[in-house]
């Protein structure tokens, strides 16, 4: 009978130690990509090219071009960028664009954001980790126009252990 409370305490200790364990590896990738998405969002919203209030703007995300050598899937990159663009309370509305939507009538508040994530050099080996340099090319244009009204390229490097 006296061992029953001791057993309960031991089980409680095991349960709590499981909750306090380190996060899984995918969290590192999410953090790396979300950081990139936050930088892209800050760059895009720092000097908006649209004349409307930003919450009234609809950003249509074109399917991104993601360099396979980075080891990042297109869907994971799109998800991270979408989350970062939706994070600001006064940010734009965001819709994943599909080519089937091309026939719809463009509205004056719709903007197409095209992105390309590419490797920007060879893997850099440091004493404690490897870095993968990247370039994120962004183009913003009015729906129906072919010429961009805004372009920017962000440079950085992913820690290979996060990928």
Foldseek 3Di string as FASTA:
>chain_A
DVCVVVVVVVVVVVVVVVVVDDDDLLVLLLVQLLVVLLVVLCVCPVDDPDDDQQQLAEEEEEQEAEACVLVDDSVSNVVSNQCNQPPDPRHYHYHHDDPVCLPPDFDSRYKYKYKYKDFDDDWDDDPPFIKTKIKIWIFIPGRPDPHGPDIDIDIDIDTSSSD
